[in-house]
N, C-alpha and C. Protein backbone atom coordinates (compact mmCIF):
# COMPACT_ATOMS: atom_id res chain seq x y z
N MET A 1 4.53 -39.90 -0.18
CA MET A 1 3.97 -40.01 0.78
C MET A 1 4.28 -41.49 2.16
N LYS A 2 4.50 -41.22 3.52
CA LYS A 2 4.75 -41.85 4.59
C LYS A 2 4.10 -43.19 4.17
N GLY A 3 4.64 -43.56 4.62
CA GLY A 3 4.26 -45.32 4.84
C GLY A 3 3.08 -45.46 5.35
N LEU A 4 3.01 -44.65 7.20
CA LEU A 4 2.00 -44.73 7.62
C LEU A 4 0.88 -44.05 6.71
N GLU A 5 1.15 -43.09 6.16
CA GLU A 5 -0.07 -42.15 5.41
C GLU A 5 -1.38 -43.56 4.55
N LEU A 6 0.13 -43.53 3.82
CA LEU A 6 -0.13 -44.66 2.79
C LEU A 6 -1.23 -45.83 3.36
N SER A 7 -0.65 -46.54 3.77
CA SER A 7 -1.37 -48.03 4.61
C SER A 7 -2.25 -47.61 5.58
N THR A 8 -2.64 -46.52 5.42
CA THR A 8 -4.04 -45.95 5.81
C THR A 8 -4.77 -45.42 5.44
N ALA A 9 -4.82 -45.21 4.03
CA ALA A 9 -5.21 -44.58 2.81
C ALA A 9 -5.14 -46.15 2.36
N ILE A 10 -4.63 -46.93 1.91
CA ILE A 10 -5.40 -48.12 1.35
C ILE A 10 -6.59 -48.83 2.21
N ALA A 11 -5.92 -48.93 3.65
CA ALA A 11 -7.18 -49.51 4.56
C ALA A 11 -8.28 -49.16 4.70
N LYS A 12 -8.12 -47.18 4.12
CA LYS A 12 -9.86 -46.89 3.85
C LYS A 12 -10.50 -47.17 2.64
N ILE A 13 -9.13 -46.85 1.86
CA ILE A 13 -10.02 -47.72 0.61
C ILE A 13 -10.59 -49.32 0.40
N LEU A 14 -9.80 -50.04 0.94
CA LEU A 14 -10.36 -51.09 1.16
C LEU A 14 -11.22 -51.20 1.82
N ASP A 15 -11.74 -50.49 2.89
CA ASP A 15 -13.09 -50.53 3.95
C ASP A 15 -14.11 -50.59 3.01
N ALA A 16 -14.03 -49.02 2.36
CA ALA A 16 -15.24 -48.44 1.23
C ALA A 16 -15.48 -49.46 0.75
N LYS A 17 -14.91 -50.17 -0.03
CA LYS A 17 -14.81 -51.27 -1.41
C LYS A 17 -15.88 -53.12 -0.85
N LYS A 18 -15.80 -52.65 0.57
CA LYS A 18 -16.25 -53.91 1.61
C LYS A 18 -15.46 -54.99 1.87
N ALA A 19 -14.30 -54.46 1.78
CA ALA A 19 -13.00 -55.78 2.43
C ALA A 19 -13.20 -56.04 3.76
N ARG A 20 -13.49 -57.33 3.73
CA ARG A 20 -13.53 -57.76 5.41
C ARG A 20 -12.56 -58.09 5.98
N GLU A 21 -11.94 -57.56 7.33
CA GLU A 21 -11.13 -57.81 8.40
C GLU A 21 -9.42 -57.48 7.38
N VAL A 22 -10.14 -56.07 7.34
CA VAL A 22 -8.95 -55.27 7.19
C VAL A 22 -7.99 -55.06 8.87
N LYS A 23 -6.65 -55.57 7.70
CA LYS A 23 -5.82 -54.72 9.12
C LYS A 23 -4.47 -54.19 8.53
N VAL A 24 -3.55 -52.61 9.65
CA VAL A 24 -2.50 -52.69 8.82
C VAL A 24 -1.49 -53.11 10.45
N LEU A 25 -0.64 -53.45 10.21
CA LEU A 25 0.49 -53.94 10.99
C LEU A 25 2.02 -53.07 10.49
N LYS A 26 2.81 -52.60 11.71
CA LYS A 26 3.41 -51.50 11.38
C LYS A 26 4.97 -52.84 11.65
N ILE A 27 5.81 -53.18 10.23
CA ILE A 27 6.57 -54.06 10.26
C ILE A 27 8.31 -53.92 10.34
N GLN A 28 8.36 -52.53 10.39
CA GLN A 28 9.66 -51.77 9.94
C GLN A 28 10.62 -52.12 11.24
N ASP A 29 11.01 -52.65 12.07
CA ASP A 29 11.50 -52.94 13.24
C ASP A 29 11.67 -54.57 13.07
N LEU A 30 10.81 -55.56 11.75
CA LEU A 30 11.32 -56.52 11.95
C LEU A 30 11.25 -56.75 11.01
N THR A 31 11.94 -56.13 9.67
CA THR A 31 12.45 -56.82 8.44
C THR A 31 12.82 -55.90 7.78
N ILE A 32 13.90 -56.10 6.92
CA ILE A 32 13.96 -54.54 5.91
C ILE A 32 13.47 -54.64 4.12
N VAL A 33 12.18 -55.36 4.42
CA VAL A 33 11.20 -55.64 3.26
C VAL A 33 10.61 -54.69 2.82
N THR A 34 9.79 -53.85 4.20
CA THR A 34 9.36 -53.08 3.93
C THR A 34 8.45 -52.60 4.90
N ASP A 35 7.91 -50.86 5.66
CA ASP A 35 7.82 -50.64 6.98
C ASP A 35 6.49 -50.99 6.73
N TYR A 36 5.09 -51.23 6.52
CA TYR A 36 4.29 -51.70 6.47
C TYR A 36 3.41 -52.83 5.67
N ILE A 37 2.67 -53.44 6.36
CA ILE A 37 1.94 -54.40 5.56
C ILE A 37 0.41 -54.64 5.82
N VAL A 38 -0.72 -54.19 4.45
CA VAL A 38 -2.33 -54.33 4.79
C VAL A 38 -2.55 -55.55 4.15
N ILE A 39 -3.65 -55.71 5.12
CA ILE A 39 -4.36 -57.18 4.86
C ILE A 39 -5.65 -56.78 4.39
N ALA A 40 -6.34 -56.85 3.82
CA ALA A 40 -7.48 -57.68 3.35
C ALA A 40 -8.06 -58.77 3.06
N THR A 41 -9.40 -58.87 3.41
CA THR A 41 -10.27 -60.02 2.63
C THR A 41 -11.07 -59.98 1.97
N GLY A 42 -11.14 -60.72 0.52
CA GLY A 42 -12.18 -60.02 -0.21
C GLY A 42 -13.24 -61.34 0.02
N THR A 43 -14.78 -61.39 -0.71
CA THR A 43 -15.56 -62.62 -0.07
C THR A 43 -15.40 -63.84 -1.42
N SER A 44 -14.45 -63.73 -2.71
CA SER A 44 -14.92 -64.42 -3.61
C SER A 44 -13.68 -63.09 -3.99
N THR A 45 -13.45 -64.73 -5.34
CA THR A 45 -12.15 -63.92 -6.27
C THR A 45 -12.22 -62.73 -6.72
N THR A 46 -14.23 -63.07 -7.04
CA THR A 46 -14.14 -61.87 -7.99
C THR A 46 -14.00 -60.66 -7.12
N GLN A 47 -14.15 -60.11 -6.17
CA GLN A 47 -13.87 -59.71 -4.89
C GLN A 47 -12.56 -59.59 -4.78
N VAL A 48 -12.07 -60.11 -4.68
CA VAL A 48 -10.29 -60.25 -4.15
C VAL A 48 -9.67 -59.47 -5.65
N LYS A 49 -9.89 -59.51 -6.83
CA LYS A 49 -9.74 -58.54 -7.93
C LYS A 49 -10.52 -57.05 -8.23
N ALA A 50 -11.36 -57.15 -7.34
CA ALA A 50 -12.02 -56.08 -7.46
C ALA A 50 -11.84 -54.99 -6.73
N LEU A 51 -10.88 -55.59 -5.38
CA LEU A 51 -10.35 -54.48 -4.13
C LEU A 51 -8.90 -54.53 -4.83
N ALA A 52 -8.49 -55.13 -5.47
CA ALA A 52 -7.05 -54.60 -5.89
C ALA A 52 -7.05 -53.78 -7.08
N ASP A 53 -8.27 -54.12 -8.10
CA ASP A 53 -8.27 -52.76 -9.27
C ASP A 53 -7.96 -51.65 -8.20
N GLU A 54 -9.27 -51.14 -7.40
CA GLU A 54 -9.72 -50.36 -6.58
C GLU A 54 -8.63 -49.29 -5.88
N VAL A 55 -7.47 -50.16 -5.55
CA VAL A 55 -6.62 -50.06 -4.84
C VAL A 55 -5.51 -49.03 -5.82
N ASP A 56 -5.15 -50.43 -6.77
CA ASP A 56 -4.30 -49.67 -7.97
C ASP A 56 -4.62 -48.16 -8.25
N PHE A 57 -6.07 -48.56 -8.71
CA PHE A 57 -6.91 -46.73 -9.20
C PHE A 57 -6.93 -45.48 -8.19
N GLN A 58 -7.95 -46.03 -7.16
CA GLN A 58 -7.09 -44.74 -6.25
C GLN A 58 -6.53 -44.09 -6.17
N LEU A 59 -4.82 -45.28 -5.56
CA LEU A 59 -4.01 -44.58 -5.62
C LEU A 59 -3.24 -43.93 -6.28
N GLU A 60 -3.13 -44.06 -8.09
CA GLU A 60 -2.90 -43.63 -8.99
C GLU A 60 -3.84 -42.26 -9.25
N GLN A 61 -4.97 -42.17 -9.03
CA GLN A 61 -5.82 -41.12 -9.15
C GLN A 61 -5.55 -39.91 -7.83
N GLN A 62 -5.68 -40.01 -6.74
CA GLN A 62 -5.78 -40.13 -5.56
C GLN A 62 -3.93 -39.05 -5.35
N PHE A 63 -2.95 -40.34 -5.94
CA PHE A 63 -1.12 -39.89 -5.08
C PHE A 63 -0.28 -39.84 -6.85
N GLY A 64 -0.71 -40.29 -7.23
CA GLY A 64 0.57 -40.61 -8.99
C GLY A 64 1.48 -41.84 -8.63
N LEU A 65 0.55 -42.83 -7.54
CA LEU A 65 1.52 -43.65 -7.36
C LEU A 65 1.05 -45.02 -8.35
N GLN A 66 1.93 -45.50 -8.63
CA GLN A 66 2.13 -47.12 -9.37
C GLN A 66 2.39 -48.06 -8.35
N PRO A 67 2.22 -49.34 -8.40
CA PRO A 67 3.06 -50.28 -7.56
C PRO A 67 4.39 -50.49 -8.43
N THR A 68 4.87 -50.53 -7.69
CA THR A 68 6.35 -51.49 -8.17
C THR A 68 6.24 -52.93 -8.60
N ARG A 69 5.67 -53.68 -7.92
CA ARG A 69 5.18 -54.74 -8.23
C ARG A 69 3.90 -55.55 -7.85
N VAL A 70 3.40 -56.06 -9.32
CA VAL A 70 1.69 -57.08 -8.30
C VAL A 70 2.11 -58.10 -9.30
N GLU A 71 1.88 -58.82 -8.04
CA GLU A 71 1.67 -60.85 -8.29
C GLU A 71 0.14 -61.12 -7.60
N GLY A 72 0.12 -62.55 -8.41
CA GLY A 72 -0.45 -63.49 -7.84
C GLY A 72 -2.39 -62.34 -8.65
N TYR A 73 -2.35 -61.96 -9.72
CA TYR A 73 -3.50 -61.37 -9.97
C TYR A 73 -4.28 -62.16 -11.03
N GLU A 74 -3.20 -63.22 -11.39
CA GLU A 74 -4.11 -64.55 -11.99
C GLU A 74 -4.88 -65.38 -11.57
N SER A 75 -4.26 -65.65 -10.13
CA SER A 75 -4.98 -66.66 -9.51
C SER A 75 -6.35 -66.21 -8.54
N LYS A 76 -6.10 -65.31 -8.35
CA LYS A 76 -7.14 -64.00 -7.85
C LYS A 76 -7.46 -64.66 -6.21
N ASN A 77 -6.14 -65.62 -5.76
CA ASN A 77 -6.01 -65.83 -4.32
C ASN A 77 -5.82 -65.38 -2.91
N TRP A 78 -4.92 -64.83 -3.79
CA TRP A 78 -4.04 -64.38 -3.12
C TRP A 78 -3.26 -62.99 -4.21
N ILE A 79 -3.30 -61.58 -4.04
CA ILE A 79 -3.08 -60.74 -4.57
C ILE A 79 -1.56 -59.83 -4.02
N LEU A 80 -1.00 -59.81 -4.07
CA LEU A 80 0.04 -58.84 -3.77
C LEU A 80 0.45 -57.50 -4.59
N MET A 81 0.57 -56.62 -3.47
CA MET A 81 0.86 -55.11 -4.44
C MET A 81 1.78 -54.35 -3.58
N ASP A 82 2.99 -53.91 -4.09
CA ASP A 82 4.15 -53.88 -3.67
C ASP A 82 4.18 -51.94 -4.13
N TYR A 83 4.17 -51.49 -2.59
CA TYR A 83 4.16 -49.98 -2.64
C TYR A 83 5.19 -49.24 -2.22
N ASP A 84 6.24 -50.89 -1.67
CA ASP A 84 7.50 -50.29 -1.37
C ASP A 84 7.77 -50.08 -0.01
N THR A 85 7.12 -49.06 0.69
CA THR A 85 7.41 -48.22 2.22
C THR A 85 6.02 -49.38 2.64
N VAL A 86 4.60 -50.03 1.54
CA VAL A 86 3.88 -50.52 1.85
C VAL A 86 3.60 -51.78 1.25
N ILE A 87 2.97 -52.87 1.05
CA ILE A 87 2.85 -54.34 0.70
C ILE A 87 1.50 -55.19 1.32
N VAL A 88 0.98 -54.72 0.38
CA VAL A 88 -0.76 -55.22 0.41
C VAL A 88 -0.95 -56.62 -0.19
N HIS A 89 -1.37 -57.56 1.19
CA HIS A 89 -2.13 -58.58 0.94
C HIS A 89 -3.68 -58.82 0.57
N VAL A 90 -4.25 -59.13 -0.52
CA VAL A 90 -5.54 -59.02 -0.90
C VAL A 90 -5.87 -60.62 -0.60
N PHE A 91 -6.44 -61.26 0.82
CA PHE A 91 -6.62 -62.67 0.11
C PHE A 91 -7.93 -63.05 -0.15
N HIS A 92 -8.60 -64.17 -0.40
CA HIS A 92 -9.12 -65.24 -0.76
C HIS A 92 -9.99 -65.51 0.86
N PRO A 93 -10.94 -66.09 1.52
CA PRO A 93 -10.45 -66.68 2.85
C PRO A 93 -9.93 -67.78 3.43
N GLU A 94 -9.99 -68.57 2.14
CA GLU A 94 -9.67 -69.98 2.33
C GLU A 94 -8.13 -69.70 2.40
N ALA A 95 -7.01 -68.70 1.77
CA ALA A 95 -5.73 -68.45 1.21
C ALA A 95 -5.26 -67.99 2.83
N ARG A 96 -6.48 -66.29 3.01
CA ARG A 96 -5.60 -66.12 4.44
C ARG A 96 -5.59 -66.71 5.64
N ASN A 97 -6.41 -67.65 5.84
CA ASN A 97 -6.24 -68.61 7.08
C ASN A 97 -5.27 -69.61 6.38
N TYR A 98 -5.07 -70.26 5.12
CA TYR A 98 -3.79 -71.20 5.16
C TYR A 98 -2.78 -70.68 4.88
N TYR A 99 -2.18 -69.33 4.73
CA TYR A 99 -0.91 -68.58 4.73
C TYR A 99 -0.74 -67.35 6.00
N ASN A 100 -2.29 -67.20 6.63
CA ASN A 100 -1.52 -66.74 8.10
C ASN A 100 -1.01 -65.64 8.30
N LEU A 101 -0.74 -64.64 7.72
CA LEU A 101 0.11 -63.69 7.94
C LEU A 101 -0.24 -62.90 9.26
N ASP A 102 -1.26 -62.72 9.53
CA ASP A 102 -1.77 -62.27 10.98
C ASP A 102 -0.84 -62.65 11.57
N LYS A 103 -0.60 -64.41 11.49
CA LYS A 103 0.13 -65.19 12.66
C LYS A 103 1.93 -64.44 12.64
N LEU A 104 1.68 -64.96 11.18
CA LEU A 104 3.60 -64.41 10.37
C LEU A 104 3.86 -63.25 11.54
N TRP A 105 3.06 -62.06 10.80
CA TRP A 105 3.88 -61.05 11.43
C TRP A 105 2.99 -60.08 12.84
N ALA A 106 2.51 -61.34 14.13
CA ALA A 106 1.71 -61.18 15.06
C ALA A 106 3.07 -60.12 15.98
N ASP A 107 4.11 -60.08 15.82
CA ASP A 107 5.36 -59.42 16.17
C ASP A 107 5.00 -57.43 16.27
N GLY A 108 4.31 -57.81 14.65
CA GLY A 108 4.12 -56.37 14.56
C GLY A 108 3.22 -55.21 15.00
N GLU A 109 3.41 -54.23 15.26
CA GLU A 109 2.33 -53.13 15.51
C GLU A 109 1.32 -53.24 15.05
N GLU A 110 -0.35 -53.58 15.30
CA GLU A 110 -1.60 -53.37 14.17
C GLU A 110 -1.58 -51.24 14.81
N ILE A 111 -1.68 -51.27 13.30
CA ILE A 111 -2.28 -49.81 13.83
C ILE A 111 -3.83 -49.36 14.08
N THR A 112 -4.25 -48.85 14.53
CA THR A 112 -5.94 -48.73 14.49
C THR A 112 -6.33 -47.52 13.36
N ILE A 113 -7.24 -47.99 12.77
CA ILE A 113 -7.49 -47.26 11.80
C ILE A 113 -8.84 -46.79 11.94
N ASP A 114 -9.18 -45.25 11.76
CA ASP A 114 -10.36 -44.65 12.02
C ASP A 114 -11.12 -44.71 10.85
N PHE A 115 -12.35 -45.67 10.80
CA PHE A 115 -12.45 -45.66 9.34
C PHE A 115 -13.93 -45.29 9.09
N GLU A 116 -14.01 -44.33 10.00
CA GLU A 116 -15.02 -43.09 10.21
C GLU A 116 -14.70 -41.68 8.96
N LYS A 117 -13.51 -42.00 9.18
CA LYS A 117 -13.19 -40.16 8.60
C LYS A 117 -13.19 -40.97 7.28
């Protein structure tokens, strides 16, 4: 599965689970770490965990994919899920404001996602 397809699928999973401020950025020309990042916000630590769990569950069920790495699961303030070509960041609102990845990767190309489909 290509990075754009995967990042779009992840964004739609997060949106369906009521994540806020879901954003997909294409950063493959800016770093060798990954091609796309998906950033989303949960309203509480409980929702942050639920969002990460849903991404993990849906990608396993639909595509047979598992993350190569997951970090931050214990704190539930910022959960990072690494799917090689896509890295998912699920934040608690304060953590998203503090780390401000939106600004850090502002040179990335924001991908428009049609959440209606």
